[in-house]
Amino acid sequence: MQLVFATHNEHKLRELQDILGCKTELLSLNDLNINEEIEETGCTLKENALIKAQFVYRRFRKDVFADDTGLEIDALNGEPGVFSARYAGDDKNAVKNMQKVINLMAGAKNRKARFKTVIALIVEGREYFFEGIVNGKILDAPAGNCGFGYDPVFMPDGYPCTFAQMDSETKNSISHRGKAVRQLIDFINKLPVQS
């Protein structure tokens, strides 16, 4: 089976290709010569993931999946949510985004938050969705140098450290993205082999 992952991130592509094995050949947006950024105009993570998947499917009629991820903080009424990557501006600066969250959360007693990833898959024109959530809390200050985005201020429930203090294997085993990807892989592996 050939499947497009609607991303320009070659590292993500290789990682998923290793997980899927030889039954599925993954292509990226680069492989399809799509150089532009697909505009995410949805109001939810699900809508944004579907927009990216539909963009590729409509143009190439190839089976495709796309993901979108957001941090939802109770004390901020679910923000930054779909605006997580651009929370402090369109330059998508992770340090500025994290600092904005820290500033807005100053003095907040309710520190509950969750990371959510939604994957939209289109196979032969049919749409499927997979969701992964990990609950945790927002810290007062960053801790750790691993990971990316909001990882240094997010401590998952049941763990004494932030995502940025975990090794990648531990983080991937419990993360929102890891959960959604495992659902996607289970589904793909059950599809009949196309000739």
Protein backbone atom coordinates (compact mmCIF):
# COMPACT_ATOMS: atom_id res chain seq x y z
CA MET A 1 0.00 0.00 0.00
CA GLN A 2 1.22 3.51 -0.83
CA LEU A 3 0.20 6.26 1.59
CA VAL A 4 0.96 9.98 1.70
CA PHE A 5 1.81 11.61 5.02
CA ALA A 6 0.87 15.28 4.57
CA THR A 7 4.08 16.63 6.07
CA HIS A 8 7.35 18.18 4.96
CA ASN A 9 9.14 16.71 7.98
CA GLU A 10 11.38 13.93 6.66
CA HIS A 11 12.32 12.81 10.19
CA LYS A 12 8.64 12.17 11.03
CA LEU A 13 8.25 10.36 7.72
CA ARG A 14 11.21 7.99 8.34
CA GLU A 15 10.07 7.31 11.89
CA LEU A 16 6.60 6.26 10.74
CA GLN A 17 7.98 4.27 7.80
CA ASP A 18 10.05 2.24 10.29
CA ILE A 19 6.97 1.59 12.42
CA LEU A 20 4.76 0.63 9.46
CA GLY A 21 7.34 -1.67 7.88
CA CYS A 22 7.45 -2.82 4.27
CA LYS A 23 3.68 -3.37 3.88
CA THR A 24 3.18 0.39 3.47
CA GLU A 25 5.28 2.83 1.43
CA LEU A 26 5.05 6.37 2.81
CA LEU A 27 5.39 9.49 0.67
CA SER A 28 5.74 13.06 1.96
CA LEU A 29 4.54 16.36 0.52
CA ASN A 30 8.09 16.79 -0.79
CA ASP A 31 7.73 13.56 -2.80
CA LEU A 32 4.64 15.07 -4.46
CA ASN A 33 6.43 18.38 -5.12
CA ILE A 34 4.04 20.26 -2.82
CA ASN A 35 6.22 23.08 -1.52
CA GLU A 36 3.57 25.44 -0.21
CA GLU A 37 2.26 25.29 3.32
CA ILE A 38 -1.30 24.01 3.44
CA GLU A 39 -3.33 26.70 5.19
CA GLU A 40 -5.03 25.49 8.37
CA THR A 41 -8.30 27.43 8.55
CA GLY A 42 -10.28 25.04 10.76
CA CYS A 43 -11.67 25.82 14.20
CA THR A 44 -10.66 22.44 15.63
CA LEU A 45 -7.70 20.09 15.42
CA LYS A 46 -9.90 17.59 13.59
CA GLU A 47 -10.87 20.17 10.96
CA ASN A 48 -7.24 21.21 10.40
CA ALA A 49 -6.04 17.63 10.03
CA LEU A 50 -8.85 16.94 7.55
CA ILE A 51 -8.10 20.12 5.55
CA LYS A 52 -4.51 18.93 4.99
CA ALA A 53 -5.56 15.38 4.10
CA GLN A 54 -8.29 16.58 1.71
CA PHE A 55 -5.87 18.97 0.00
CA VAL A 56 -3.66 16.06 -1.00
CA TYR A 57 -6.49 13.63 -1.81
CA ARG A 58 -8.33 16.07 -4.06
CA ARG A 59 -5.20 16.98 -5.96
CA PHE A 60 -3.63 13.52 -6.38
CA ARG A 61 -6.34 10.96 -5.50
CA LYS A 62 -3.82 9.20 -3.27
CA ASP A 63 -4.56 7.68 0.14
CA VAL A 64 -3.31 10.18 2.71
CA PHE A 65 -3.19 11.09 6.36
CA ALA A 66 -2.43 14.33 8.21
CA ASP A 67 -2.23 15.33 11.84
CA ASP A 68 -2.78 18.38 13.99
CA THR A 69 -1.83 18.83 17.62
CA GLY A 70 -2.72 21.33 20.30
CA LEU A 71 -2.22 22.10 23.98
CA GLU A 72 -5.47 22.75 25.86
CA ILE A 73 -5.23 24.48 29.25
CA ASP A 74 -8.23 24.54 31.60
CA ALA A 75 -7.41 27.92 33.18
CA LEU A 76 -7.14 29.48 29.71
CA ASN A 77 -10.51 28.10 28.55
CA GLY A 78 -8.87 25.51 26.31
CA GLU A 79 -6.28 27.83 24.79
CA PRO A 80 -3.97 27.75 22.95
CA GLY A 81 -5.71 24.77 21.27
CA VAL A 82 -5.70 25.05 17.47
CA PHE A 83 -3.50 28.14 17.79
CA SER A 84 -0.75 26.33 19.72
CA ALA A 85 1.95 26.76 17.06
CA ARG A 86 1.11 30.46 16.51
CA TYR A 87 0.01 31.43 20.03
CA ALA A 88 2.53 34.26 20.37
CA GLY A 89 2.62 35.16 16.67
CA ASP A 90 2.78 33.88 13.12
CA ASP A 91 6.53 33.22 13.36
CA LYS A 92 5.71 30.00 15.30
CA ASN A 93 8.39 30.72 17.92
CA ALA A 94 8.22 27.92 20.51
CA VAL A 95 10.02 29.90 23.22
CA LYS A 96 7.67 32.89 22.83
CA ASN A 97 4.64 30.57 22.83
CA MET A 98 5.79 28.90 26.04
CA GLN A 99 6.56 32.25 27.69
CA LYS A 100 3.09 33.54 26.81
CA VAL A 101 1.54 30.50 28.51
CA ILE A 102 3.73 30.98 31.61
CA ASN A 103 2.78 34.67 31.81
CA LEU A 104 -0.94 33.99 31.38
CA MET A 105 -0.83 31.21 33.97
CA ALA A 106 0.93 33.33 36.64
CA GLY A 107 -0.90 32.80 39.92
CA ALA A 108 -3.37 30.29 38.47
CA LYS A 109 -4.31 27.54 40.93
CA ASN A 110 -5.80 25.23 38.29
CA ARG A 111 -2.79 24.01 36.29
CA LYS A 112 -4.61 21.17 34.46
CA ALA A 113 -3.87 20.77 30.76
CA ARG A 114 -3.89 18.18 28.01
CA PHE A 115 -2.08 17.59 24.77
CA LYS A 116 -4.30 16.33 21.96
CA THR A 117 -3.40 14.97 18.52
CA VAL A 118 -5.96 14.21 15.83
CA ILE A 119 -5.06 12.26 12.70
CA ALA A 120 -7.29 12.36 9.62
CA LEU A 121 -6.89 9.46 7.19
CA ILE A 122 -8.47 9.24 3.74
CA VAL A 123 -8.41 5.81 2.08
CA GLU A 124 -10.25 5.34 -1.23
CA GLY A 125 -12.24 8.50 -0.51
CA ARG A 126 -13.39 7.43 2.96
CA GLU A 127 -12.42 9.51 6.00
CA TYR A 128 -11.25 8.06 9.33
CA PHE A 129 -10.07 9.83 12.49
CA PHE A 130 -7.76 8.83 15.33
CA GLU A 131 -7.22 10.80 18.52
CA GLY A 132 -4.62 10.69 21.25
CA ILE A 133 -4.78 12.63 24.52
CA VAL A 134 -2.38 12.88 27.45
CA ASN A 135 -3.41 14.77 30.59
CA GLY A 136 -1.06 16.68 32.81
CA LYS A 137 -0.31 20.11 34.23
CA ILE A 138 1.53 23.29 33.34
CA LEU A 139 4.58 24.21 35.42
CA ASP A 140 5.58 27.72 36.53
CA ALA A 141 8.89 27.50 34.67
CA PRO A 142 10.47 25.35 31.91
CA ALA A 143 12.36 22.20 32.88
CA GLY A 144 14.40 20.00 30.53
CA ASN A 145 16.11 20.38 27.17
CA CYS A 146 14.62 17.53 25.13
CA GLY A 147 11.48 17.58 23.01
CA PHE A 148 10.04 20.71 21.41
CA GLY A 149 7.21 23.20 21.66
CA TYR A 150 5.57 23.27 25.08
CA ASP A 151 7.33 20.10 26.31
CA PRO A 152 9.44 21.95 28.95
CA VAL A 153 6.34 23.24 30.81
CA PHE A 154 4.10 20.16 30.47
CA MET A 155 4.27 17.44 33.14
CA PRO A 156 2.12 14.41 32.26
CA ASP A 157 0.00 12.85 35.00
CA GLY A 158 1.78 10.07 36.87
CA TYR A 159 5.29 11.26 36.01
CA PRO A 160 7.70 13.40 38.09
CA CYS A 161 9.15 15.21 35.09
CA THR A 162 8.20 17.18 31.99
CA PHE A 163 8.13 15.81 28.44
CA ALA A 164 11.37 17.76 27.90
CA GLN A 165 13.06 15.78 30.69
CA MET A 166 12.10 12.38 29.25
CA ASP A 167 14.00 10.30 26.76
CA SER A 168 12.19 10.03 23.42
CA GLU A 169 11.27 6.36 23.92
CA THR A 170 9.45 7.09 27.20
CA LYS A 171 7.75 10.19 25.82
CA ASN A 172 6.60 8.43 22.63
CA SER A 173 5.18 5.52 24.65
CA ILE A 174 2.78 7.81 26.55
CA SER A 175 2.37 10.85 24.32
CA HIS A 176 -0.75 12.10 22.58
CA ARG A 177 0.91 11.72 19.18
CA GLY A 178 2.13 8.23 20.01
CA LYS A 179 -1.38 7.14 21.01
CA ALA A 180 -2.95 8.51 17.83
CA VAL A 181 -0.23 7.02 15.61
CA ARG A 182 -0.63 3.57 17.19
CA GLN A 183 -4.37 3.67 16.41
CA LEU A 184 -3.59 4.69 12.83
CA ILE A 185 -1.05 1.90 12.44
CA ASP A 186 -3.41 -0.73 13.87
CA PHE A 187 -6.06 0.39 11.37
CA ILE A 188 -3.68 0.43 8.39
CA ASN A 189 -2.31 -3.00 9.24
CA LYS A 190 -5.84 -4.43 9.12
CA LEU A 191 -6.56 -3.05 5.65
CA PRO A 192 -6.52 -5.61 2.84
CA VAL A 193 -3.33 -5.56 0.78
CA GLN A 194 -3.92 -3.75 -2.49
CA SER A 195 -2.58 -5.34 -5.66
